[in-house]
Amino acid sequence: MSDSLTSAPPEPLRGSTSPQGGGKIRRERPKAIKLSQAAASRIRDIIASADGKVQGVRVGVTNGGCAGMSYTMDYADAPQPFEEVVEDQGVKVFIDPKAVLFLIGTEMDFVREKLGSRFVFNNPNQTAACGCGESVTLKPAEAD
């Protein structure tokens, strides 16, 4: 018998599991969104000053605007059915299930400029944006 047939199976990928008795090896799914230090800090401030029991922020996308889609953000007091919950730097971000494929790989940042401050979504799935910056064109993330 050749060595290739008797050698041990390859090591599973980091974050994967192999069920007893065989089965498919699953790779850890990437987080839909990650936060910059500035965004995490600002979200902590928002949660601390909010009225009521706020656990984090809810992020999604909606159809609208001249480029086709806009990002949405709101307070989140509990996860909704099928939402993905990402915890990054001690902050919970609840992702609307309809938005997950559009947000995979996105970094959420918070920037301060001369005339104001705002959250910015650095999204690799964004293909265009309108001139005013209020709406974007997004494509679903592709499998690697």
Protein backbone atom coordinates (compact mmCIF):
# COMPACT_ATOMS: atom_id res chain seq x y z
CA MET A 1 0.00 0.00 0.00
CA SER A 2 1.31 3.49 -0.78
CA ASP A 3 2.00 6.08 1.91
CA SER A 4 -0.61 8.45 0.48
CA LEU A 5 -3.39 5.99 1.29
CA THR A 6 -2.25 5.21 4.82
CA SER A 7 -1.24 8.67 5.99
CA ALA A 8 -3.30 10.58 8.53
CA PRO A 9 -6.03 12.90 7.25
CA PRO A 10 -5.14 16.58 6.94
CA GLU A 11 -5.52 18.81 9.98
CA PRO A 12 -8.92 20.58 10.14
CA LEU A 13 -8.97 24.30 9.42
CA ARG A 14 -8.79 26.67 12.40
CA GLY A 15 -12.20 27.05 13.99
CA SER A 16 -13.60 23.95 12.30
CA THR A 17 -15.06 20.88 13.86
CA SER A 18 -15.12 17.31 12.73
CA PRO A 19 -18.06 15.31 14.06
CA GLN A 20 -17.38 11.87 15.50
CA GLY A 21 -17.64 9.20 12.84
CA GLY A 22 -16.73 11.52 9.97
CA GLY A 23 -18.64 14.21 8.22
CA LYS A 24 -17.85 17.49 6.62
CA ILE A 25 -15.28 19.77 8.18
CA ARG A 26 -16.66 23.27 8.62
CA ARG A 27 -14.62 26.43 8.41
CA GLU A 28 -15.30 29.24 10.87
CA ARG A 29 -17.51 31.85 9.22
CA PRO A 30 -16.04 35.34 9.07
CA LYS A 31 -17.69 38.06 11.14
CA ALA A 32 -20.17 40.06 9.12
CA ILE A 33 -18.78 43.31 10.50
CA LYS A 34 -15.88 44.52 12.61
CA LEU A 35 -15.47 47.78 14.47
CA SER A 36 -12.65 50.29 14.57
CA GLN A 37 -11.60 51.49 18.03
CA ALA A 38 -13.33 54.83 17.34
CA ALA A 39 -16.61 53.13 16.37
CA ALA A 40 -16.55 50.81 19.40
CA SER A 41 -15.87 53.75 21.72
CA ARG A 42 -18.69 55.84 20.22
CA ILE A 43 -21.16 52.95 20.40
CA ARG A 44 -20.25 52.41 24.07
CA ASP A 45 -20.98 56.12 24.68
CA ILE A 46 -24.31 55.88 22.83
CA ILE A 47 -25.38 52.81 24.82
CA ALA A 48 -24.36 54.42 28.12
CA SER A 49 -26.45 57.54 27.41
CA ALA A 50 -29.50 55.69 25.99
CA ASP A 51 -32.78 55.48 27.86
CA GLY A 52 -33.89 51.96 28.60
CA LYS A 53 -32.17 48.60 28.39
CA VAL A 54 -29.97 48.85 25.28
CA GLN A 55 -27.63 45.93 24.57
CA GLY A 56 -26.05 47.27 21.39
CA VAL A 57 -26.82 48.65 17.95
CA ARG A 58 -28.75 47.09 15.09
CA VAL A 59 -27.25 47.53 11.62
CA GLY A 60 -28.98 46.82 8.34
CA VAL A 61 -29.49 48.02 4.80
CA THR A 62 -32.64 49.34 3.17
CA ASN A 63 -33.60 50.03 -0.43
CA GLY A 64 -33.59 53.70 -1.26
CA GLY A 65 -31.53 56.70 -2.20
CA CYS A 66 -30.12 57.57 -5.58
CA ALA A 67 -27.51 54.77 -5.50
CA GLY A 68 -29.99 52.07 -4.48
CA MET A 69 -29.34 51.21 -0.81
CA SER A 70 -28.72 52.95 2.51
CA TYR A 71 -27.26 51.73 5.78
CA THR A 72 -29.51 51.76 8.83
CA MET A 73 -28.60 51.92 12.53
CA ASP A 74 -30.81 51.78 15.58
CA TYR A 75 -30.73 50.82 19.25
CA ALA A 76 -31.04 47.09 19.97
CA ASP A 77 -32.45 45.85 23.26
CA ALA A 78 -32.59 42.15 22.30
CA PRO A 79 -31.79 40.00 19.27
CA GLN A 80 -34.58 39.51 16.73
CA PRO A 81 -35.21 36.11 15.10
CA PHE A 82 -32.43 35.07 12.69
CA GLU A 83 -30.23 38.07 13.48
CA GLU A 84 -26.50 37.59 13.62
CA VAL A 85 -24.93 39.05 16.77
CA VAL A 86 -21.31 40.16 16.46
CA GLU A 87 -19.39 41.12 19.58
CA ASP A 88 -16.28 43.18 18.89
CA GLN A 89 -14.25 45.16 21.44
CA GLY A 90 -16.93 44.66 24.06
CA VAL A 91 -19.72 46.03 21.86
CA LYS A 92 -22.65 44.04 20.44
CA VAL A 93 -23.76 44.67 16.87
CA PHE A 94 -27.01 43.01 15.81
CA ILE A 95 -27.10 42.38 12.05
CA ASP A 96 -30.42 42.34 10.23
CA PRO A 97 -30.61 38.93 8.48
CA LYS A 98 -31.42 40.59 5.13
CA ALA A 99 -28.19 42.61 5.38
CA VAL A 100 -25.66 39.92 6.29
CA LEU A 101 -24.56 39.09 2.72
CA PHE A 102 -24.12 42.79 1.94
CA LEU A 103 -22.06 43.49 5.08
CA ILE A 104 -19.59 40.58 5.19
CA GLY A 105 -16.08 42.02 5.46
CA THR A 106 -17.25 45.53 6.42
CA GLU A 107 -15.38 47.67 8.93
CA MET A 108 -17.52 50.22 10.74
CA ASP A 109 -15.61 53.37 11.70
CA PHE A 110 -16.49 56.63 13.42
CA VAL A 111 -14.96 59.83 12.07
CA ARG A 112 -14.91 63.37 13.38
CA GLU A 113 -14.60 66.17 10.82
CA LYS A 114 -14.71 69.96 11.00
CA LEU A 115 -18.46 70.18 10.46
CA GLY A 116 -19.60 67.04 12.24
CA SER A 117 -19.08 63.40 13.02
CA ARG A 118 -20.53 60.21 11.56
CA PHE A 119 -20.27 56.45 11.27
CA VAL A 120 -18.58 55.25 8.08
CA PHE A 121 -18.97 51.78 6.58
CA ASN A 122 -15.81 50.64 4.76
CA ASN A 123 -17.48 47.88 2.77
CA PRO A 124 -15.66 45.71 0.18
CA ASN A 125 -19.07 44.85 -1.33
CA GLN A 126 -19.81 48.47 -2.21
CA THR A 127 -19.58 49.13 -5.94
CA ALA A 128 -20.75 52.78 -6.05
CA ALA A 129 -21.99 55.65 -3.91
CA CYS A 130 -24.05 58.74 -4.59
CA GLY A 131 -22.42 62.16 -4.49
CA CYS A 132 -24.00 63.15 -1.17
CA GLY A 133 -22.82 59.96 0.54
CA GLU A 134 -26.27 58.97 1.81
CA SER A 135 -26.73 55.88 -0.34
CA VAL A 136 -24.60 53.16 -1.90
CA THR A 137 -24.73 50.34 -4.40
CA LEU A 138 -23.94 46.98 -2.80
CA LYS A 139 -23.46 43.50 -4.18
CA PRO A 140 -23.78 40.35 -2.05
CA ALA A 141 -20.47 38.96 -0.78
CA GLU A 142 -19.03 36.14 -2.85
CA ALA A 143 -17.86 32.83 -1.40
CA ASP A 144 -14.12 32.35 -1.23
